[in-house]
C-alpha atoms as a PDB file:
ATOM      1  CA  MET A   1       4.333   7.191  13.508  1.00  0.00           C
ATOM      2  CA  SER A   2       6.106   6.117  10.404  1.00  0.00           C
ATOM      3  CA  ASN A   3       2.785   6.301   8.476  1.00  0.00           C
ATOM      4  CA  LYS A   4       2.166   9.724   9.813  1.00  0.00           C
ATOM      5  CA  LEU A   5       5.189  10.617   8.664  1.00  0.00           C
ATOM      6  CA  LYS A   6       4.399   9.049   5.102  1.00  0.00           C
ATOM      7  CA  GLU A   7       1.039  11.050   5.379  1.00  0.00           C
ATOM      8  CA  VAL A   8       3.103  14.204   6.388  1.00  0.00           C
ATOM      9  CA  THR A   9       5.322  13.935   3.466  1.00  0.00           C
ATOM     10  CA  TYR A  10       2.552  13.271   0.941  1.00  0.00           C
ATOM     11  CA  LEU A  11       0.107  16.346   2.079  1.00  0.00           C
ATOM     12  CA  THR A  12       3.438  18.528   1.760  1.00  0.00           C
ATOM     13  CA  LYS A  13       4.082  17.250  -1.843  1.00  0.00           C
ATOM     14  CA  LYS A  14       0.628  18.114  -2.443  1.00  0.00           C
ATOM     15  CA  ASP A  15       0.562  21.311  -1.151  1.00  0.00           C
ATOM     16  CA  LEU A  16       3.522  22.270  -2.922  1.00  0.00           C
ATOM     17  CA  LYS A  17       2.773  21.045  -6.373  1.00  0.00           C
ATOM     18  CA  LYS A  18       1.196  24.478  -7.313  1.00  0.00           C
ATOM     19  CA  LEU A  19       4.314  26.333  -6.639  1.00  0.00           C
ATOM     20  CA  ASP A  20       6.848  26.939  -9.544  1.00  0.00           C
ATOM     21  CA  ILE A  21       9.951  27.002  -7.111  1.00  0.00           C
ATOM     22  CA  VAL A  22      10.251  25.419  -3.727  1.00  0.00           C
ATOM     23  CA  LEU A  23      13.017  26.458  -1.757  1.00  0.00           C
ATOM     24  CA  PRO A  24      14.186  24.455   1.250  1.00  0.00           C
ATOM     25  CA  GLY A  25      12.819  27.031   3.693  1.00  0.00           C
ATOM     26  CA  LYS A  26       9.217  26.528   2.332  1.00  0.00           C
ATOM     27  CA  TYR A  27       9.714  22.892   2.222  1.00  0.00           C
ATOM     28  CA  THR A  28      10.292  22.785   6.112  1.00  0.00           C
ATOM     29  CA  ASN A  29       7.666  25.111   7.271  1.00  0.00           C
ATOM     30  CA  THR A  30       5.268  23.169   5.442  1.00  0.00           C
ATOM     31  CA  PHE A  31       6.362  19.984   6.540  1.00  0.00           C
ATOM     32  CA  GLU A  32       6.210  21.567  10.301  1.00  0.00           C
ATOM     33  CA  ASN A  33       2.901  23.280   9.701  1.00  0.00           C
ATOM     34  CA  ILE A  34       1.056  19.834   8.461  1.00  0.00           C
ATOM     35  CA  ALA A  35       2.998  17.897  11.075  1.00  0.00           C
ATOM     36  CA  LYS A  36       1.788  19.920  13.751  1.00  0.00           C
ATOM     37  CA  VAL A  37      -2.227  19.386  12.511  1.00  0.00           C
ATOM     38  CA  LEU A  38      -1.585  15.945  12.480  1.00  0.00           C
ATOM     39  CA  GLU A  39       0.147  16.057  15.856  1.00  0.00           C
ATOM     40  CA  VAL A  40       3.272  14.358  14.464  1.00  0.00           C
ATOM     41  CA  ASP A  41       5.874  15.143  17.151  1.00  0.00           C
ATOM     42  CA  LEU A  42       9.111  16.034  15.327  1.00  0.00           C
ATOM     43  CA  GLU A  43      10.951  17.023  18.522  1.00  0.00           C
ATOM     44  CA  ASP A  44      11.229  13.226  19.844  1.00  0.00           C
ATOM     45  CA  LYS A  45      14.017  12.360  17.442  1.00  0.00           C
ATOM     46  CA  GLN A  46      14.469   8.927  19.096  1.00  0.00           C
ATOM     47  CA  ILE A  47      10.884   7.961  18.476  1.00  0.00           C
ATOM     48  CA  VAL A  48      10.807   9.151  14.638  1.00  0.00           C
ATOM     49  CA  ILE A  49      14.268   7.671  13.975  1.00  0.00           C
ATOM     50  CA  LYS A  50      12.895   4.389  15.531  1.00  0.00           C
ATOM     51  CA  ASP A  51       9.516   4.516  13.610  1.00  0.00           C
ATOM     52  CA  LEU A  52      11.114   5.179  10.226  1.00  0.00           C
ATOM     53  CA  SER A  53      13.758   2.567  10.750  1.00  0.00           C
ATOM     54  CA  SER A  54      11.092  -0.323  11.189  1.00  0.00           C
ATOM     55  CA  ASP A  55      10.342   0.123   7.236  1.00  0.00           C
ATOM     56  CA  ILE A  56      14.206  -0.061   6.621  1.00  0.00           C
ATOM     57  CA  ASP A  57      14.516  -3.087   8.782  1.00  0.00           C
ATOM     58  CA  HIS A  58      11.738  -4.804   6.808  1.00  0.00           C
ATOM     59  CA  LEU A  59      13.255  -3.947   3.441  1.00  0.00           C
ATOM     60  CA  ASN A  60      16.762  -5.095   4.824  1.00  0.00           C
ATOM     61  CA  ASN A  61      15.279  -8.338   5.930  1.00  0.00           C
ATOM     62  CA  ILE A  62      13.895  -9.210   2.527  1.00  0.00           C
ATOM     63  CA  VAL A  63      17.198  -8.304   1.022  1.00  0.00           C
ATOM     64  CA  ASP A  64      19.266 -10.316   3.319  1.00  0.00           C
ATOM     65  CA  GLN A  65      16.923 -13.301   2.738  1.00  0.00           C
ATOM     66  CA  THR A  66      17.061 -12.971  -0.970  1.00  0.00           C
ATOM     67  CA  SER A  67      20.802 -12.598  -1.115  1.00  0.00           C
ATOM     68  CA  LYS A  68      20.960 -16.025   0.839  1.00  0.00           C
ATOM     69  CA  ASN A  69      18.687 -17.383  -1.811  1.00  0.00           C
ATOM     70  CA  LEU A  70      20.871 -16.152  -4.770  1.00  0.00           C
ATOM     71  CA  ASN A  71      23.996 -17.888  -3.075  1.00  0.00           C
ATOM     72  CA  GLN A  72      22.387 -21.023  -2.695  1.00  0.00           C
ATOM     73  CA  ILE A  73      21.250 -20.960  -6.264  1.00  0.00           C
ATOM     74  CA  GLN A  74      24.592 -20.053  -7.009  1.00  0.00           C
ATOM     75  CA  LYS A  75      26.023 -23.214  -5.084  1.00  0.00           C
ATOM     76  CA  SER A  76      23.380 -25.285  -6.287  1.00  0.00           C
ATOM     77  CA  THR A  77      24.229 -24.403  -9.968  1.00  0.00           C
ATOM     78  CA  GLU A  78      27.769 -25.567  -9.494  1.00  0.00           C
ATOM     79  CA  ASP A  79      26.909 -28.962  -7.898  1.00  0.00           C
ATOM     80  CA  ALA A  80      24.171 -29.441 -10.582  1.00  0.00           C
ATOM     81  CA  GLN A  81      27.114 -28.898 -13.340  1.00  0.00           C
ATOM     82  CA  GLN A  82      29.390 -31.298 -11.413  1.00  0.00           C
ATOM     83  CA  ALA A  83      26.260 -33.960 -10.974  1.00  0.00           C
ATOM     84  CA  ILE A  84      25.605 -33.883 -14.427  1.00  0.00           C
ATOM     85  CA  LYS A  85      29.405 -34.822 -15.300  1.00  0.00           C
ATOM     86  CA  ASP A  86      29.103 -37.525 -12.607  1.00  0.00           C
ATOM     87  CA  LYS A  87      25.770 -38.562 -13.880  1.00  0.00           C
ATOM     88  CA  ASN A  88      24.636 -38.698 -10.139  1.00  0.00           C
ATOM     89  CA  GLU A  89      20.956 -38.621 -10.462  1.00  0.00           C
ATOM     90  CA  LYS A  90      20.413 -38.751  -6.584  1.00  0.00           C
ATOM     91  CA  THR A  91      22.431 -35.524  -6.045  1.00  0.00           C
ATOM     92  CA  LEU A  92      20.369 -33.856  -9.062  1.00  0.00           C
ATOM     93  CA  GLU A  93      16.974 -35.094  -7.545  1.00  0.00           C
ATOM     94  CA  GLU A  94      17.977 -33.468  -4.381  1.00  0.00           C
ATOM     95  CA  ILE A  95      19.304 -30.283  -5.913  1.00  0.00           C
ATOM     96  CA  SER A  96      15.737 -30.165  -7.954  1.00  0.00           C
ATOM     97  CA  LYS A  97      13.896 -30.244  -4.456  1.00  0.00           C
ATOM     98  CA  GLU A  98      16.209 -27.408  -3.130  1.00  0.00           C
ATOM     99  CA  LEU A  99      15.408 -25.193  -6.279  1.00  0.00           C
ATOM    100  CA  LYS A 100      11.688 -25.896  -6.058  1.00  0.00           C
ATOM    101  CA  LYS A 101      11.752 -24.751  -2.112  1.00  0.00           C
ATOM    102  CA  MET A 102      14.011 -21.618  -3.233  1.00  0.00           C
ATOM    103  CA  LYS A 103      11.540 -20.615  -5.565  1.00  0.00           C
ATOM    104  CA  GLU A 104       8.875 -20.547  -3.162  1.00  0.00           C
ATOM    105  CA  GLU A 105      10.708 -18.888  -0.798  1.00  0.00           C
ATOM    106  CA  ILE A 106      11.551 -16.107  -3.667  1.00  0.00           C
ATOM    107  CA  ALA A 107       7.816 -15.619  -4.451  1.00  0.00           C
ATOM    108  CA  PHE A 108       7.405 -15.246  -0.630  1.00  0.00           C
ATOM    109  CA  LEU A 109       9.790 -12.332  -0.328  1.00  0.00           C
ATOM    110  CA  GLN A 110       8.654 -10.895  -3.479  1.00  0.00           C
ATOM    111  CA  LYS A 111       5.414 -10.689  -2.079  1.00  0.00           C
ATOM    112  CA  GLN A 112       6.402  -9.318   1.115  1.00  0.00           C
ATOM    113  CA  LEU A 113       8.374  -6.721  -0.995  1.00  0.00           C
ATOM    114  CA  PHE A 114       5.098  -5.181  -2.455  1.00  0.00           C
ATOM    115  CA  SER A 115       2.913  -5.618   0.578  1.00  0.00           C
ATOM    116  CA  ASP A 116       2.180  -3.160   3.258  1.00  0.00           C
ATOM    117  CA  PRO A 117       3.633  -4.617   6.890  1.00  0.00           C
ATOM    118  CA  LEU A 118       0.356  -3.515   8.373  1.00  0.00           C
ATOM    119  CA  THR A 119      -2.441  -4.163   6.430  1.00  0.00           C
ATOM    120  CA  GLY A 120      -1.283  -6.697   3.772  1.00  0.00           C
ATOM    121  CA  ALA A 121      -2.437  -4.389   0.978  1.00  0.00           C
ATOM    122  CA  LEU A 122      -0.242  -3.803  -1.898  1.00  0.00           C
ATOM    123  CA  ASN A 123       2.190  -0.721  -1.250  1.00  0.00           C
ATOM    124  CA  ARG A 124       3.581   2.313  -3.236  1.00  0.00           C
ATOM    125  CA  LYS A 125       6.360   0.098  -4.468  1.00  0.00           C
ATOM    126  CA  TRP A 126       4.272  -2.110  -6.287  1.00  0.00           C
ATOM    127  CA  LEU A 127       2.259   0.816  -7.530  1.00  0.00           C
ATOM    128  CA  ASN A 128       5.631   2.540  -9.083  1.00  0.00           C
ATOM    129  CA  GLU A 129       7.420  -0.430 -10.199  1.00  0.00           C
ATOM    130  CA  THR A 130       4.466  -2.849 -11.602  1.00  0.00           C
ATOM    131  CA  TYR A 131       1.198  -0.986 -12.255  1.00  0.00           C
ATOM    132  CA  LEU A 132       3.169   2.012 -13.678  1.00  0.00           C
ATOM    133  CA  LYS A 133       6.118   2.983 -15.800  1.00  0.00           C
ATOM    134  CA  ASP A 134       7.774   6.179 -15.746  1.00  0.00           C
ATOM    135  CA  ASP A 135       4.771   7.571 -13.359  1.00  0.00           C
ATOM    136  CA  CYS A 136       2.482   6.841 -16.336  1.00  0.00           C
ATOM    137  CA  PHE A 137      -0.328   4.034 -16.165  1.00  0.00           C
ATOM    138  CA  GLN A 138       0.582   0.953 -18.398  1.00  0.00           C
ATOM    139  CA  ASN A 139      -3.228  -0.177 -19.099  1.00  0.00           C
ATOM    140  CA  ASP A 140      -6.660   1.335 -19.009  1.00  0.00           C
ATOM    141  CA  GLY A 141      -8.733   1.012 -16.139  1.00  0.00           C
ATOM    142  CA  PHE A 142     -10.648   2.790 -13.474  1.00  0.00           C
ATOM    143  CA  ILE A 143      -9.117   4.106 -10.200  1.00  0.00           C
ATOM    144  CA  ALA A 144     -11.104   4.662  -6.796  1.00  0.00           C
ATOM    145  CA  PHE A 145      -9.315   6.762  -4.037  1.00  0.00           C
ATOM    146  CA  LEU A 146     -10.515   5.931  -0.724  1.00  0.00           C
ATOM    147  CA  ASP A 147      -9.921   8.297   2.412  1.00  0.00           C
ATOM    148  CA  LEU A 148     -11.332   7.228   5.917  1.00  0.00           C
ATOM    149  CA  ASN A 149     -13.563   9.662   7.610  1.00  0.00           C
ATOM    150  CA  ASP A 150     -12.328  11.059  11.048  1.00  0.00           C
ATOM    151  CA  PHE A 151      -9.548   8.732  11.414  1.00  0.00           C
ATOM    152  CA  LYS A 152      -7.939  11.156  13.427  1.00  0.00           C
ATOM    153  CA  LYS A 153     -10.695  11.175  15.972  1.00  0.00           C
ATOM    154  CA  ILE A 154     -10.624   7.390  15.989  1.00  0.00           C
ATOM    155  CA  ASN A 155      -6.962   7.451  16.552  1.00  0.00           C
ATOM    156  CA  ASP A 156      -7.320   9.938  19.398  1.00  0.00           C
ATOM    157  CA  THR A 157     -10.390   8.404  21.169  1.00  0.00           C
ATOM    158  CA  TYR A 158      -9.319   4.929  21.108  1.00  0.00           C
ATOM    159  CA  GLY A 159      -5.430   4.945  20.426  1.00  0.00           C
ATOM    160  CA  HIS A 160      -3.143   4.342  17.738  1.00  0.00           C
ATOM    161  CA  LEU A 161      -3.453   0.308  18.169  1.00  0.00           C
ATOM    162  CA  VAL A 162      -7.174   0.349  17.568  1.00  0.00           C
ATOM    163  CA  GLY A 163      -6.592   2.451  14.585  1.00  0.00           C
ATOM    164  CA  ASP A 164      -4.309   0.113  13.201  1.00  0.00           C
ATOM    165  CA  GLN A 165      -7.083  -2.490  13.487  1.00  0.00           C
ATOM    166  CA  VAL A 166      -9.267  -0.290  11.705  1.00  0.00           C
ATOM    167  CA  LEU A 167      -6.845  -0.237   8.698  1.00  0.00           C
ATOM    168  CA  LYS A 168      -6.338  -3.904   8.872  1.00  0.00           C
ATOM    169  CA  TYR A 169     -10.072  -4.642   8.899  1.00  0.00           C
ATOM    170  CA  LEU A 170     -10.857  -2.293   6.082  1.00  0.00           C
ATOM    171  CA  VAL A 171      -8.055  -4.183   3.711  1.00  0.00           C
ATOM    172  CA  LYS A 172      -9.551  -7.307   4.783  1.00  0.00           C
ATOM    173  CA  PHE A 173     -13.236  -6.045   4.168  1.00  0.00           C
ATOM    174  CA  LEU A 174     -11.968  -5.119   0.820  1.00  0.00           C
ATOM    175  CA  LYS A 175     -10.515  -8.234  -0.190  1.00  0.00           C
ATOM    176  CA  LYS A 176     -13.662 -10.156   1.004  1.00  0.00           C
ATOM    177  CA  GLU A 177     -15.881  -7.955  -1.117  1.00  0.00           C
ATOM    178  CA  LEU A 178     -14.055  -7.493  -4.199  1.00  0.00           C
ATOM    179  CA  THR A 179     -13.252 -10.989  -5.459  1.00  0.00           C
ATOM    180  CA  PHE A 180     -13.474 -10.843  -8.945  1.00  0.00           C
ATOM    181  CA  PRO A 181      -9.951 -10.728 -11.016  1.00  0.00           C
ATOM    182  CA  GLY A 182      -8.561  -7.424 -12.345  1.00  0.00           C
ATOM    183  CA  VAL A 183      -8.737  -5.539  -8.930  1.00  0.00           C
ATOM    184  CA  ASP A 184      -5.700  -4.308  -6.788  1.00  0.00           C
ATOM    185  CA  ILE A 185      -5.848  -2.806  -3.511  1.00  0.00           C
ATOM    186  CA  VAL A 186      -3.301  -0.533  -2.663  1.00  0.00           C
ATOM    187  CA  ARG A 187      -2.318   1.322   0.384  1.00  0.00           C
ATOM    188  CA  TYR A 188      -1.242   4.787  -0.528  1.00  0.00           C
ATOM    189  CA  ALA A 189      -0.265   6.604   2.704  1.00  0.00           C
ATOM    190  CA  GLY A 190      -1.740   6.452   5.986  1.00  0.00           C
ATOM    191  CA  ASP A 191      -5.481   5.988   6.104  1.00  0.00           C
ATOM    192  CA  GLU A 192      -5.734   6.629   2.101  1.00  0.00           C
ATOM    193  CA  PHE A 193      -6.048   3.357  -0.146  1.00  0.00           C
ATOM    194  CA  LEU A 194      -6.276   2.904  -4.038  1.00  0.00           C
ATOM    195  CA  LEU A 195      -8.607   0.407  -5.855  1.00  0.00           C
ATOM    196  CA  LEU A 196      -7.383  -0.490  -9.318  1.00  0.00           C
ATOM    197  CA  PHE A 197      -9.542  -2.122 -11.715  1.00  0.00           C
ATOM    198  CA  ASN A 198      -7.999  -3.161 -14.996  1.00  0.00           C
ATOM    199  CA  ARG A 199     -10.271  -2.649 -17.834  1.00  0.00           C
ATOM    200  CA  SER A 200      -9.236  -5.805 -19.711  1.00  0.00           C
ATOM    201  CA  LYS A 201      -9.691  -7.914 -16.632  1.00  0.00           C
ATOM    202  CA  VAL A 202     -12.706  -6.663 -14.869  1.00  0.00           C
ATOM    203  CA  THR A 203     -15.815  -7.585 -16.385  1.00  0.00           C
ATOM    204  CA  ILE A 204     -18.188  -5.285 -13.819  1.00  0.00           C
ATOM    205  CA  PRO A 205     -20.685  -2.938 -15.755  1.00  0.00           C
ATOM    206  CA  ASN A 206     -20.850  -0.242 -13.182  1.00  0.00           C
ATOM    207  CA  ILE A 207     -17.798   0.230 -11.021  1.00  0.00           C
ATOM    208  CA  ASN A 208     -19.103   3.169  -9.513  1.00  0.00           C
ATOM    209  CA  ARG A 209     -21.926   1.682  -8.018  1.00  0.00           C
ATOM    210  CA  VAL A 210     -19.689  -1.161  -6.754  1.00  0.00           C
ATOM    211  CA  VAL A 211     -17.587   1.448  -4.879  1.00  0.00           C
ATOM    212  CA  ASN A 212     -20.852   3.061  -3.650  1.00  0.00           C
ATOM    213  CA  GLU A 213     -21.877  -0.079  -2.427  1.00  0.00           C
ATOM    214  CA  LEU A 214     -18.790  -0.945  -0.585  1.00  0.00           C
ATOM    215  CA  GLN A 215     -19.104   2.542   0.881  1.00  0.00           C
ATOM    216  CA  ILE A 216     -22.554   1.921   2.588  1.00  0.00           C
ATOM    217  CA  LYS A 217     -22.080  -1.786   3.576  1.00  0.00           C
ATOM    218  CA  LEU A 218     -18.591  -0.681   5.720  1.00  0.00           C
ATOM    219  CA  ALA A 219     -20.609   2.215   7.562  1.00  0.00           C
ATOM    220  CA  LYS A 220     -22.943  -0.558   8.759  1.00  0.00           C
ATOM    221  CA  GLN A 221     -20.356  -2.413   9.991  1.00  0.00           C
ATOM    222  CA  ASN A 222     -19.841  -2.609  13.923  1.00  0.00           C
ATOM    223  CA  LEU A 223     -16.888  -3.317  15.277  1.00  0.00           C
ATOM    224  CA  LYS A 224     -16.414  -5.043  18.693  1.00  0.00           C
ATOM    225  CA  SER A 225     -13.217  -5.763  21.083  1.00  0.00           C
ATOM    226  CA  SER A 226     -12.608  -6.310  24.596  1.00  0.00           C
ATOM    227  CA  LYS A 227     -12.410  -2.707  25.478  1.00  0.00           C
ATOM    228  CA  ILE A 228     -14.926  -1.191  22.553  1.00  0.00           C
ATOM    229  CA  ASP A 229     -18.699  -1.966  22.686  1.00  0.00           C
ATOM    230  CA  SER A 230     -19.201  -0.340  19.334  1.00  0.00           C
ATOM    231  CA  LEU A 231     -17.327   1.156  16.348  1.00  0.00           C
ATOM    232  CA  HIS A 232     -18.602   2.238  13.089  1.00  0.00           C
ATOM    233  CA  PHE A 233     -16.456   4.131  10.567  1.00  0.00           C
ATOM    234  CA  SER A 234     -16.510   4.833   6.865  1.00  0.00           C
ATOM    235  CA  PHE A 235     -14.713   6.372   4.014  1.00  0.00           C
ATOM    236  CA  ALA A 236     -14.986   8.800   1.470  1.00  0.00           C
ATOM    237  CA  TYR A 237     -14.189   8.000  -2.207  1.00  0.00           C
ATOM    238  CA  GLY A 238     -13.558   9.390  -5.564  1.00  0.00           C
ATOM    239  CA  LEU A 239     -13.653   7.497  -9.002  1.00  0.00           C
ATOM    240  CA  THR A 240     -12.402   8.213 -12.532  1.00  0.00           C
ATOM    241  CA  THR A 241     -11.163   6.356 -15.593  1.00  0.00           C
ATOM    242  CA  PHE A 242      -7.437   6.232 -16.539  1.00  0.00           C
ATOM    243  CA  LYS A 243      -6.110   5.447 -19.777  1.00  0.00           C
ATOM    244  CA  HIS A 244      -2.540   3.901 -21.108  1.00  0.00           C
ATOM    245  CA  GLY A 245      -0.121   6.871 -20.966  1.00  0.00           C
ATOM    246  CA  ASP A 246      -1.907   8.802 -18.353  1.00  0.00           C
ATOM    247  CA  THR A 247       0.194  10.464 -15.740  1.00  0.00           C
ATOM    248  CA  PHE A 248      -0.273   9.324 -12.385  1.00  0.00           C
ATOM    249  CA  ASP A 249      -0.248  12.461 -10.846  1.00  0.00           C
ATOM    250  CA  GLU A 250      -2.599  13.919 -13.198  1.00  0.00           C
ATOM    251  CA  ILE A 251      -5.339  11.588 -12.569  1.00  0.00           C
ATOM    252  CA  LEU A 252      -4.849  11.330  -8.716  1.00  0.00           C
ATOM    253  CA  GLU A 253      -5.330  14.915  -8.585  1.00  0.00           C
ATOM    254  CA  ILE A 254      -8.603  14.660 -10.329  1.00  0.00           C
ATOM    255  CA  VAL A 255      -9.699  11.716  -8.248  1.00  0.00           C
ATOM    256  CA  ASP A 256      -8.315  13.147  -4.795  1.00  0.00           C
ATOM    257  CA  GLU A 257     -10.685  16.330  -5.668  1.00  0.00           C
ATOM    258  CA  LEU A 258     -13.966  13.995  -6.258  1.00  0.00           C
ATOM    259  CA  MET A 259     -12.985  12.166  -3.132  1.00  0.00           C
ATOM    260  CA  TYR A 260     -13.104  15.273  -1.306  1.00  0.00           C
ATOM    261  CA  LYS A 261     -16.461  16.357  -2.690  1.00  0.00           C
ATOM    262  CA  ASN A 262     -17.932  13.261  -1.845  1.00  0.00           C
ATOM    263  CA  LYS A 263     -16.378  13.837   1.683  1.00  0.00           C
ATOM    264  CA  GLN A 264     -18.295  17.048   1.773  1.00  0.00           C
ATOM    265  CA  GLU A 265     -21.567  15.791   0.559  1.00  0.00           C
ATOM    266  CA  ALA A 266     -21.480  13.112   3.191  1.00  0.00           C
ATOM    267  CA  LYS A 267     -21.577  15.929   6.091  1.00  0.00           C
END
């Protein structure tokens, strides 16, 4: 449900952008109406709190592990200083091994911090802290906004566990197909994903053709499981360029409209 709540929040903010003044009551009513459309049960507070806390637990675990590594680094530094004074090469060698191991652990934790726990795609924290600065792009490139078609129907028909598997499959599929450098896959909200193409690193002459081919190829995939004989799904997308200094929200609004146009054309 946490992903559903994120989706409700995103759609609420999007709906309220056009208003100059947003009063608390207006936000609450809009949030509740969108939640009702997406069939998110806000009455069951225990479930809501439990699902929202899962993301917090994930982050807290990363923070705890990072804190332990930092404490260990401090201790190793003190031990190294003493070993240098004592000219104890054996101790220095052991400390060197410990630091190498901690470096690998910290790199793993950083990857977890910037990864979506469900799909393994990059998350919005990575987008905001790495790709953007003050909500503006730091380079030139292309952005594709992907939205799964009839994802609610998949959840309603097969259940949320299958819905989660569909999201995992999508990211796995994208990673398999987009193997060239300069491409980043971000889970933006619910079943919405961003493909970011860094112009300075990507050598593809026609980005739109690449994304269009992904769209066609995915629609032809046939997913099977012990309970499902055949499942097909697809996405709609919008694609546009961005330049260094462009505001993310403005670019997202453009590419969002293009995505909905693509979705309508497919019907």
